[in-house]
Amino acid sequence: AGIPTAHDEHRAFKLIGDWSDVAAEEDVPEQ
């Protein structure tokens, strides 16, 4: 659940999808 973690970002070859509108933890959509 949630946005990609720093660990995800470190391991990934590529990040796909747009979570630029999530500025803070409370901005993460529930789904």
Full PDB file with SEQRES, HELIX, SHEET, SSBOND, CRYST1, ORIGX, SCALE, CONECT and MASTER records, all heavy atoms in Angstrom:
SEQRES   1 A   31  ALA GLY ILE PRO THR ALA HIS ASP GLU HIS ARG ALA PHE          
SEQRES   2 A   31  LYS LEU ILE GLY ASP TRP SER ASP VAL ALA ALA GLU GLU          
SEQRES   3 A   31  ASP VAL PRO GLU GLN                                          
HELIX    1 AA1 ALA A    6  ARG A   11  1                                   6    
HELIX    2 AA2 GLU A   25  ASP A   27  5                                   3    
CRYST1    1.000    1.000    1.000  90.00  90.00  90.00 P 1           1          
ORIGX1      1.000000  0.000000  0.000000        0.00000                         
ORIGX2      0.000000  1.000000  0.000000        0.00000                         
ORIGX3      0.000000  0.000000  1.000000        0.00000                         
SCALE1      1.000000  0.000000  0.000000        0.00000                         
SCALE2      0.000000  1.000000  0.000000        0.00000                         
SCALE3      0.000000  0.000000  1.000000        0.00000                         
ATOM      1  N   ALA A   1       0.842  -1.189   0.000  1.00  0.00           N  
ATOM      2  CA  ALA A   1       0.000   0.000   0.000  1.00  0.00           C  
ATOM      3  C   ALA A   1       0.881   1.243   0.000  1.00  0.00           C  
ATOM      4  O   ALA A   1       2.018   1.218   0.472  1.00  0.00           O  
ATOM      5  CB  ALA A   1      -0.906  -0.004   1.233  1.00  0.00           C  
ATOM      6  N   GLY A   2       0.343   2.318  -0.554  1.00  0.00           N  
ATOM      7  CA  GLY A   2       1.038   3.600  -0.516  1.00  0.00           C  
ATOM      8  C   GLY A   2       1.930   3.851  -1.714  1.00  0.00           C  
ATOM      9  O   GLY A   2       1.890   3.138  -2.713  1.00  0.00           O  
ATOM     10  N   ILE A   3       2.745   4.885  -1.574  1.00  0.00           N  
ATOM     11  CA  ILE A   3       3.660   5.283  -2.647  1.00  0.00           C  
ATOM     12  C   ILE A   3       4.948   4.463  -2.569  1.00  0.00           C  
ATOM     13  O   ILE A   3       5.221   3.832  -1.548  1.00  0.00           O  
ATOM     14  CB  ILE A   3       3.978   6.795  -2.578  1.00  0.00           C  
ATOM     15  CG1 ILE A   3       4.666   7.158  -1.262  1.00  0.00           C  
ATOM     16  CG2 ILE A   3       2.723   7.627  -2.787  1.00  0.00           C  
ATOM     17  CD1 ILE A   3       5.142   8.600  -1.183  1.00  0.00           C  
ATOM     18  N   PRO A   4       5.751   4.482  -3.630  1.00  0.00           N  
ATOM     19  CA  PRO A   4       7.029   3.759  -3.584  1.00  0.00           C  
ATOM     20  C   PRO A   4       7.906   4.266  -2.435  1.00  0.00           C  
ATOM     21  O   PRO A   4       7.955   5.463  -2.151  1.00  0.00           O  
ATOM     22  CB  PRO A   4       7.662   4.078  -4.940  1.00  0.00           C  
ATOM     23  CG  PRO A   4       6.494   4.340  -5.837  1.00  0.00           C  
ATOM     24  CD  PRO A   4       5.494   5.040  -4.961  1.00  0.00           C  
ATOM     25  N   THR A   5       8.578   3.337  -1.783  1.00  0.00           N  
ATOM     26  CA  THR A   5       9.477   3.680  -0.680  1.00  0.00           C  
ATOM     27  C   THR A   5      10.861   4.019  -1.225  1.00  0.00           C  
ATOM     28  O   THR A   5      11.158   3.749  -2.395  1.00  0.00           O  
ATOM     29  CB  THR A   5       9.604   2.494   0.291  1.00  0.00           C  
ATOM     30  OG1 THR A   5      10.237   1.402  -0.414  1.00  0.00           O  
ATOM     31  CG2 THR A   5       8.252   2.053   0.828  1.00  0.00           C  
ATOM     32  N   ALA A   6      11.699   4.571  -0.366  1.00  0.00           N  
ATOM     33  CA  ALA A   6      13.083   4.849  -0.757  1.00  0.00           C  
ATOM     34  C   ALA A   6      13.778   3.551  -1.146  1.00  0.00           C  
ATOM     35  O   ALA A   6      14.578   3.525  -2.085  1.00  0.00           O  
ATOM     36  CB  ALA A   6      13.820   5.543   0.381  1.00  0.00           C  
ATOM     37  N   HIS A   7      13.456   2.467  -0.466  1.00  0.00           N  
ATOM     38  CA  HIS A   7      14.042   1.158  -0.795  1.00  0.00           C  
ATOM     39  C   HIS A   7      13.613   0.713  -2.194  1.00  0.00           C  
ATOM     40  O   HIS A   7      14.426   0.221  -2.973  1.00  0.00           O  
ATOM     41  CB  HIS A   7      13.631   0.123   0.253  1.00  0.00           C  
ATOM     42  CG  HIS A   7      14.250  -1.220   0.054  1.00  0.00           C  
ATOM     43  ND1 HIS A   7      15.601  -1.452   0.197  1.00  0.00           N  
ATOM     44  CD2 HIS A   7      13.696  -2.404  -0.299  1.00  0.00           C  
ATOM     45  CE1 HIS A   7      15.857  -2.727  -0.058  1.00  0.00           C  
ATOM     46  NE2 HIS A   7      14.719  -3.320  -0.359  1.00  0.00           N  
ATOM     47  N   ASP A   8      12.322   0.917  -2.518  1.00  0.00           N  
ATOM     48  CA  ASP A   8      11.839   0.595  -3.861  1.00  0.00           C  
ATOM     49  C   ASP A   8      12.620   1.392  -4.902  1.00  0.00           C  
ATOM     50  O   ASP A   8      13.067   0.854  -5.912  1.00  0.00           O  
ATOM     51  CB  ASP A   8      10.352   0.954  -4.022  1.00  0.00           C  
ATOM     52  CG  ASP A   8       9.420   0.114  -3.182  1.00  0.00           C  
ATOM     53  OD1 ASP A   8       9.795  -1.009  -2.800  1.00  0.00           O  
ATOM     54  OD2 ASP A   8       8.305   0.596  -2.908  1.00  0.00           O  
ATOM     55  N   GLU A   9      12.747   2.689  -4.647  1.00  0.00           N  
ATOM     56  CA  GLU A   9      13.423   3.570  -5.602  1.00  0.00           C  
ATOM     57  C   GLU A   9      14.882   3.170  -5.796  1.00  0.00           C  
ATOM     58  O   GLU A   9      15.400   3.224  -6.909  1.00  0.00           O  
ATOM     59  CB  GLU A   9      13.318   5.019  -5.139  1.00  0.00           C  
ATOM     60  CG  GLU A   9      11.903   5.549  -5.200  1.00  0.00           C  
ATOM     61  CD  GLU A   9      11.804   7.009  -4.795  1.00  0.00           C  
ATOM     62  OE1 GLU A   9      12.741   7.778  -5.084  1.00  0.00           O  
ATOM     63  OE2 GLU A   9      10.773   7.371  -4.203  1.00  0.00           O  
ATOM     64  N   HIS A  10      15.527   2.752  -4.728  1.00  0.00           N  
ATOM     65  CA  HIS A  10      16.932   2.347  -4.801  1.00  0.00           C  
ATOM     66  C   HIS A  10      17.109   1.074  -5.635  1.00  0.00           C  
ATOM     67  O   HIS A  10      18.063   0.947  -6.394  1.00  0.00           O  
ATOM     68  CB  HIS A  10      17.486   2.143  -3.388  1.00  0.00           C  
ATOM     69  CG  HIS A  10      18.892   1.638  -3.358  1.00  0.00           C  
ATOM     70  ND1 HIS A  10      19.969   2.417  -3.693  1.00  0.00           N  
ATOM     71  CD2 HIS A  10      19.382   0.421  -3.057  1.00  0.00           C  
ATOM     72  CE1 HIS A  10      21.076   1.705  -3.603  1.00  0.00           C  
ATOM     73  NE2 HIS A  10      20.749   0.486  -3.216  1.00  0.00           N  
ATOM     74  N   ARG A  11      16.185   0.134  -5.505  1.00  0.00           N  
ATOM     75  CA  ARG A  11      16.280  -1.157  -6.190  1.00  0.00           C  
ATOM     76  C   ARG A  11      15.824  -1.109  -7.637  1.00  0.00           C  
ATOM     77  O   ARG A  11      16.208  -1.947  -8.439  1.00  0.00           O  
ATOM     78  CB  ARG A  11      15.423  -2.193  -5.461  1.00  0.00           C  
ATOM     79  CG  ARG A  11      15.909  -2.545  -4.100  1.00  0.00           C  
ATOM     80  CD  ARG A  11      14.990  -3.487  -3.363  1.00  0.00           C  
ATOM     81  NE  ARG A  11      14.216  -4.371  -4.229  1.00  0.00           N  
ATOM     82  CZ  ARG A  11      13.161  -5.046  -3.845  1.00  0.00           C  
ATOM     83  NH1 ARG A  11      12.725  -4.956  -2.621  1.00  0.00           N  
ATOM     84  NH2 ARG A  11      12.518  -5.839  -4.679  1.00  0.00           N  
ATOM     85  N   ALA A  12      14.983  -0.145  -7.976  1.00  0.00           N  
ATOM     86  CA  ALA A  12      14.305  -0.145  -9.269  1.00  0.00           C  
ATOM     87  C   ALA A  12      15.204   0.230 -10.436  1.00  0.00           C  
ATOM     88  O   ALA A  12      16.031   1.128 -10.335  1.00  0.00           O  
ATOM     89  CB  ALA A  12      13.120   0.812  -9.233  1.00  0.00           C  
ATOM     90  N   PHE A  13      14.988  -0.455 -11.552  1.00  0.00           N  
ATOM     91  CA  PHE A  13      15.581  -0.045 -12.819  1.00  0.00           C  
ATOM     92  C   PHE A  13      14.848   1.192 -13.314  1.00  0.00           C  
ATOM     93  O   PHE A  13      15.440   2.123 -13.841  1.00  0.00           O  
ATOM     94  CB  PHE A  13      15.476  -1.184 -13.847  1.00  0.00           C  
ATOM     95  CG  PHE A  13      15.849  -0.773 -15.241  1.00  0.00           C  
ATOM     96  CD1 PHE A  13      17.179  -0.618 -15.591  1.00  0.00           C  
ATOM     97  CD2 PHE A  13      14.872  -0.511 -16.184  1.00  0.00           C  
ATOM     98  CE1 PHE A  13      17.529  -0.210 -16.867  1.00  0.00           C  
ATOM     99  CE2 PHE A  13      15.216  -0.115 -17.470  1.00  0.00           C  
ATOM    100  CZ  PHE A  13      16.542   0.037 -17.812  1.00  0.00           C  
ATOM    101  N   LYS A  14      13.507   1.192 -13.115  1.00  0.00           N  
ATOM    102  CA  LYS A  14      12.697   2.318 -13.569  1.00  0.00           C  
ATOM    103  C   LYS A  14      11.474   2.450 -12.669  1.00  0.00           C  
ATOM    104  O   LYS A  14      10.871   1.456 -12.274  1.00  0.00           O  
ATOM    105  CB  LYS A  14      12.254   2.091 -15.014  1.00  0.00           C  
ATOM    106  CG  LYS A  14      11.520   3.270 -15.630  1.00  0.00           C  
ATOM    107  CD  LYS A  14      11.143   3.002 -17.078  1.00  0.00           C  
ATOM    108  CE  LYS A  14      12.343   3.275 -17.967  1.00  0.00           C  
ATOM    109  NZ  LYS A  14      12.019   3.199 -19.402  1.00  0.00           N  
ATOM    110  N   LEU A  15      11.124   3.703 -12.364  1.00  0.00           N  
ATOM    111  CA  LEU A  15       9.900   4.018 -11.637  1.00  0.00           C  
ATOM    112  C   LEU A  15       8.867   4.472 -12.653  1.00  0.00           C  
ATOM    113  O   LEU A  15       9.174   5.311 -13.502  1.00  0.00           O  
ATOM    114  CB  LEU A  15      10.150   5.138 -10.626  1.00  0.00           C  
ATOM    115  CG  LEU A  15      11.210   4.851  -9.572  1.00  0.00           C  
ATOM    116  CD1 LEU A  15      11.617   6.123  -8.861  1.00  0.00           C  
ATOM    117  CD2 LEU A  15      10.692   3.831  -8.584  1.00  0.00           C  
ATOM    118  N   ILE A  16       7.660   3.920 -12.572  1.00  0.00           N  
ATOM    119  CA  ILE A  16       6.612   4.305 -13.514  1.00  0.00           C  
ATOM    120  C   ILE A  16       5.347   4.670 -12.745  1.00  0.00           C  
ATOM    121  O   ILE A  16       5.092   4.146 -11.670  1.00  0.00           O  
ATOM    122  CB  ILE A  16       6.344   3.207 -14.563  1.00  0.00           C  
ATOM    123  CG1 ILE A  16       6.075   1.852 -13.913  1.00  0.00           C  
ATOM    124  CG2 ILE A  16       7.516   3.093 -15.527  1.00  0.00           C  
ATOM    125  CD1 ILE A  16       5.784   0.729 -14.901  1.00  0.00           C  
ATOM    126  N   GLY A  17       4.592   5.596 -13.287  1.00  0.00           N  
ATOM    127  CA  GLY A  17       3.428   6.131 -12.598  1.00  0.00           C  
ATOM    128  C   GLY A  17       3.787   7.504 -12.059  1.00  0.00           C  
ATOM    129  O   GLY A  17       4.956   7.877 -11.975  1.00  0.00           O  
ATOM    130  N   ASP A  18       2.778   8.277 -11.698  1.00  0.00           N  
ATOM    131  CA  ASP A  18       2.996   9.655 -11.260  1.00  0.00           C  
ATOM    132  C   ASP A  18       2.454   9.877  -9.864  1.00  0.00           C  
ATOM    133  O   ASP A  18       1.250   9.833  -9.649  1.00  0.00           O  
ATOM    134  CB  ASP A  18       2.322  10.615 -12.250  1.00  0.00           C  
ATOM    135  CG  ASP A  18       2.509  12.067 -11.879  1.00  0.00           C  
ATOM    136  OD1 ASP A  18       3.393  12.383 -11.052  1.00  0.00           O  
ATOM    137  OD2 ASP A  18       1.762  12.897 -12.420  1.00  0.00           O  
ATOM    138  N   TRP A  19       3.325  10.077  -8.913  1.00  0.00           N  
ATOM    139  CA  TRP A  19       2.909  10.412  -7.556  1.00  0.00           C  
ATOM    140  C   TRP A  19       3.434  11.793  -7.175  1.00  0.00           C  
ATOM    141  O   TRP A  19       3.593  12.121  -6.008  1.00  0.00           O  
ATOM    142  CB  TRP A  19       3.323   9.342  -6.540  1.00  0.00           C  
ATOM    143  CG  TRP A  19       4.787   9.084  -6.421  1.00  0.00           C  
ATOM    144  CD1 TRP A  19       5.644   9.623  -5.512  1.00  0.00           C  
ATOM    145  CD2 TRP A  19       5.569   8.192  -7.223  1.00  0.00           C  
ATOM    146  NE1 TRP A  19       6.909   9.130  -5.706  1.00  0.00           N  
ATOM    147  CE2 TRP A  19       6.896   8.248  -6.757  1.00  0.00           C  
ATOM    148  CE3 TRP A  19       5.267   7.360  -8.299  1.00  0.00           C  
ATOM    149  CZ2 TRP A  19       7.917   7.513  -7.323  1.00  0.00           C  
ATOM    150  CZ3 TRP A  19       6.291   6.635  -8.868  1.00  0.00           C  
ATOM    151  CH2 TRP A  19       7.593   6.704  -8.384  1.00  0.00           C  
ATOM    152  N   SER A  20       3.643  12.659  -8.179  1.00  0.00           N  
ATOM    153  CA  SER A  20       4.169  14.003  -7.944  1.00  0.00           C  
ATOM    154  C   SER A  20       3.218  14.876  -7.125  1.00  0.00           C  
ATOM    155  O   SER A  20       3.660  15.827  -6.484  1.00  0.00           O  
ATOM    156  CB  SER A  20       4.507  14.691  -9.269  1.00  0.00           C  
ATOM    157  OG  SER A  20       3.344  14.834 -10.057  1.00  0.00           O  
ATOM    158  N   ASP A  21       1.923  14.544  -7.129  1.00  0.00           N  
ATOM    159  CA  ASP A  21       0.974  15.341  -6.354  1.00  0.00           C  
ATOM    160  C   ASP A  21       0.931  14.930  -4.882  1.00  0.00           C  
ATOM    161  O   ASP A  21       0.224  15.526  -4.087  1.00  0.00           O  
ATOM    162  CB  ASP A  21      -0.420  15.259  -6.964  1.00  0.00           C  
ATOM    163  CG  ASP A  21      -0.957  13.846  -7.028  1.00  0.00           C  
ATOM    164  OD1 ASP A  21      -0.158  12.893  -6.942  1.00  0.00           O  
ATOM    165  OD2 ASP A  21      -2.185  13.693  -7.173  1.00  0.00           O  
ATOM    166  N   VAL A  22       1.730  13.925  -4.504  1.00  0.00           N  
ATOM    167  CA  VAL A  22       1.790  13.478  -3.115  1.00  0.00           C  
ATOM    168  C   VAL A  22       2.968  14.180  -2.448  1.00  0.00           C  
ATOM    169  O   VAL A  22       4.109  13.753  -2.537  1.00  0.00           O  
ATOM    170  CB  VAL A  22       1.961  11.940  -3.028  1.00  0.00           C  
ATOM    171  CG1 VAL A  22       2.049  11.502  -1.579  1.00  0.00           C  
ATOM    172  CG2 VAL A  22       0.834  11.236  -3.754  1.00  0.00           C  
ATOM    173  N   ALA A  23       2.669  15.300  -1.781  1.00  0.00           N  
ATOM    174  CA  ALA A  23       3.723  16.108  -1.165  1.00  0.00           C  
ATOM    175  C   ALA A  23       4.064  15.641   0.240  1.00  0.00           C  
ATOM    176  O   ALA A  23       5.169  15.851   0.722  1.00  0.00           O  
ATOM    177  CB  ALA A  23       3.299  17.567  -1.132  1.00  0.00           C  
ATOM    178  N   ALA A  24       3.113  15.003   0.900  1.00  0.00           N  
ATOM    179  CA  ALA A  24       3.334  14.560   2.276  1.00  0.00           C  
ATOM    180  C   ALA A  24       2.564  13.273   2.518  1.00  0.00           C  
ATOM    181  O   ALA A  24       1.663  12.918   1.751  1.00  0.00           O  
ATOM    182  CB  ALA A  24       2.862  15.644   3.248  1.00  0.00           C  
ATOM    183  N   GLU A  25       2.912  12.576   3.581  1.00  0.00           N  
ATOM    184  CA  GLU A  25       2.280  11.296   3.913  1.00  0.00           C  
ATOM    185  C   GLU A  25       0.758  11.411   3.953  1.00  0.00           C  
ATOM    186  O   GLU A  25       0.049  10.528   3.478  1.00  0.00           O  
ATOM    187  CB  GLU A  25       2.806  10.794   5.265  1.00  0.00           C  
ATOM    188  CG  GLU A  25       2.385   9.399   5.614  1.00  0.00           C  
ATOM    189  CD  GLU A  25       3.046   8.329   4.759  1.00  0.00           C  
ATOM    190  OE1 GLU A  25       4.186   8.533   4.320  1.00  0.00           O  
ATOM    191  OE2 GLU A  25       2.408   7.288   4.537  1.00  0.00           O  
ATOM    192  N   GLU A  26       0.256  12.520   4.479  1.00  0.00           N  
ATOM    193  CA  GLU A  26      -1.198  12.671   4.574  1.00  0.00           C  
ATOM    194  C   GLU A  26      -1.860  12.916   3.212  1.00  0.00           C  
ATOM    195  O   GLU A  26      -3.078  12.845   3.090  1.00  0.00           O  
ATOM    196  CB  GLU A  26      -1.590  13.786   5.557  1.00  0.00           C  
ATOM    197  CG  GLU A  26      -1.019  15.141   5.256  1.00  0.00           C  
ATOM    198  CD  GLU A  26       0.357  15.391   5.874  1.00  0.00           C  
ATOM    199  OE1 GLU A  26       0.936  14.490   6.508  1.00  0.00           O  
ATOM    200  OE2 GLU A  26       0.858  16.494   5.697  1.00  0.00           O  
ATOM    201  N   ASP A  27      -1.063  13.184   2.186  1.00  0.00           N  
ATOM    202  CA  ASP A  27      -1.592  13.382   0.838  1.00  0.00           C  
ATOM    203  C   ASP A  27      -1.750  12.082   0.057  1.00  0.00           C  
ATOM    204  O   ASP A  27      -2.341  12.078  -1.020  1.00  0.00           O  
ATOM    205  CB  ASP A  27      -0.674  14.304   0.023  1.00  0.00           C  
ATOM    206  CG  ASP A  27      -0.604  15.710   0.582  1.00  0.00           C  
ATOM    207  OD1 ASP A  27      -1.559  16.120   1.277  1.00  0.00           O  
ATOM    208  OD2 ASP A  27       0.397  16.396   0.328  1.00  0.00           O  
ATOM    209  N   VAL A  28      -1.217  10.995   0.574  1.00  0.00           N  
ATOM    210  CA  VAL A  28      -1.286   9.711  -0.136  1.00  0.00           C  
ATOM    211  C   VAL A  28      -2.733   9.246  -0.180  1.00  0.00           C  
ATOM    212  O   VAL A  28      -3.389   9.116   0.860  1.00  0.00           O  
ATOM    213  CB  VAL A  28      -0.413   8.636   0.551  1.00  0.00           C  
ATOM    214  CG1 VAL A  28      -0.553   7.292  -0.154  1.00  0.00           C  
ATOM    215  CG2 VAL A  28       1.038   9.070   0.588  1.00  0.00           C  
ATOM    216  N   PRO A  29      -3.257   9.006  -1.379  1.00  0.00           N  
ATOM    217  CA  PRO A  29      -4.639   8.513  -1.466  1.00  0.00           C  
ATOM    218  C   PRO A  29      -4.796   7.194  -0.706  1.00  0.00           C  
ATOM    219  O   PRO A  29      -3.896   6.351  -0.702  1.00  0.00           O  
ATOM    220  CB  PRO A  29      -4.845   8.291  -2.972  1.00  0.00           C  
ATOM    221  CG  PRO A  29      -3.805   9.116  -3.635  1.00  0.00           C  
ATOM    222  CD  PRO A  29      -2.648   9.167  -2.691  1.00  0.00           C  
ATOM    223  N   GLU A  30      -5.935   7.019  -0.062  1.00  0.00           N  
ATOM    224  CA  GLU A  30      -6.179   5.822   0.740  1.00  0.00           C  
ATOM    225  C   GLU A  30      -6.054   4.543  -0.080  1.00  0.00           C  
ATOM    226  O   GLU A  30      -5.607   3.521   0.410  1.00  0.00           O  
ATOM    227  CB  GLU A  30      -7.572   5.903   1.366  1.00  0.00           C  
ATOM    228  CG  GLU A  30      -7.819   4.850   2.419  1.00  0.00           C  
ATOM    229  CD  GLU A  30      -9.137   5.069   3.120  1.00  0.00           C  
ATOM    230  OE1 GLU A  30      -9.419   6.201   3.531  1.00  0.00           O  
ATOM    231  OE2 GLU A  30      -9.884   4.085   3.247  1.00  0.00           O  
ATOM    232  N   GLN A  31      -6.432   4.594  -1.356  1.00  0.00           N  
ATOM    233  CA  GLN A  31      -6.402   3.417  -2.217  1.00  0.00           C  
ATOM    234  C   GLN A  31      -5.062   3.246  -2.946  1.00  0.00           C  
ATOM    235  O   GLN A  31      -4.929   2.355  -3.771  1.00  0.00           O  
ATOM    236  CB  GLN A  31      -7.488   3.475  -3.289  1.00  0.00           C  
ATOM    237  CG  GLN A  31      -8.922   3.711  -2.861  1.00  0.00           C  
ATOM    238  CD  GLN A  31      -9.373   2.896  -1.684  1.00  0.00           C  
ATOM    239  OE1 GLN A  31      -9.223   3.347  -0.584  1.00  0.00           O  
ATOM    240  NE2 GLN A  31      -9.923   1.732  -1.894  1.00  0.00           N  
TER     241      GLN A  31                                                      
MASTER        0    0    0    2    0    0    0    6  240    1    0    3          
END                                                                             
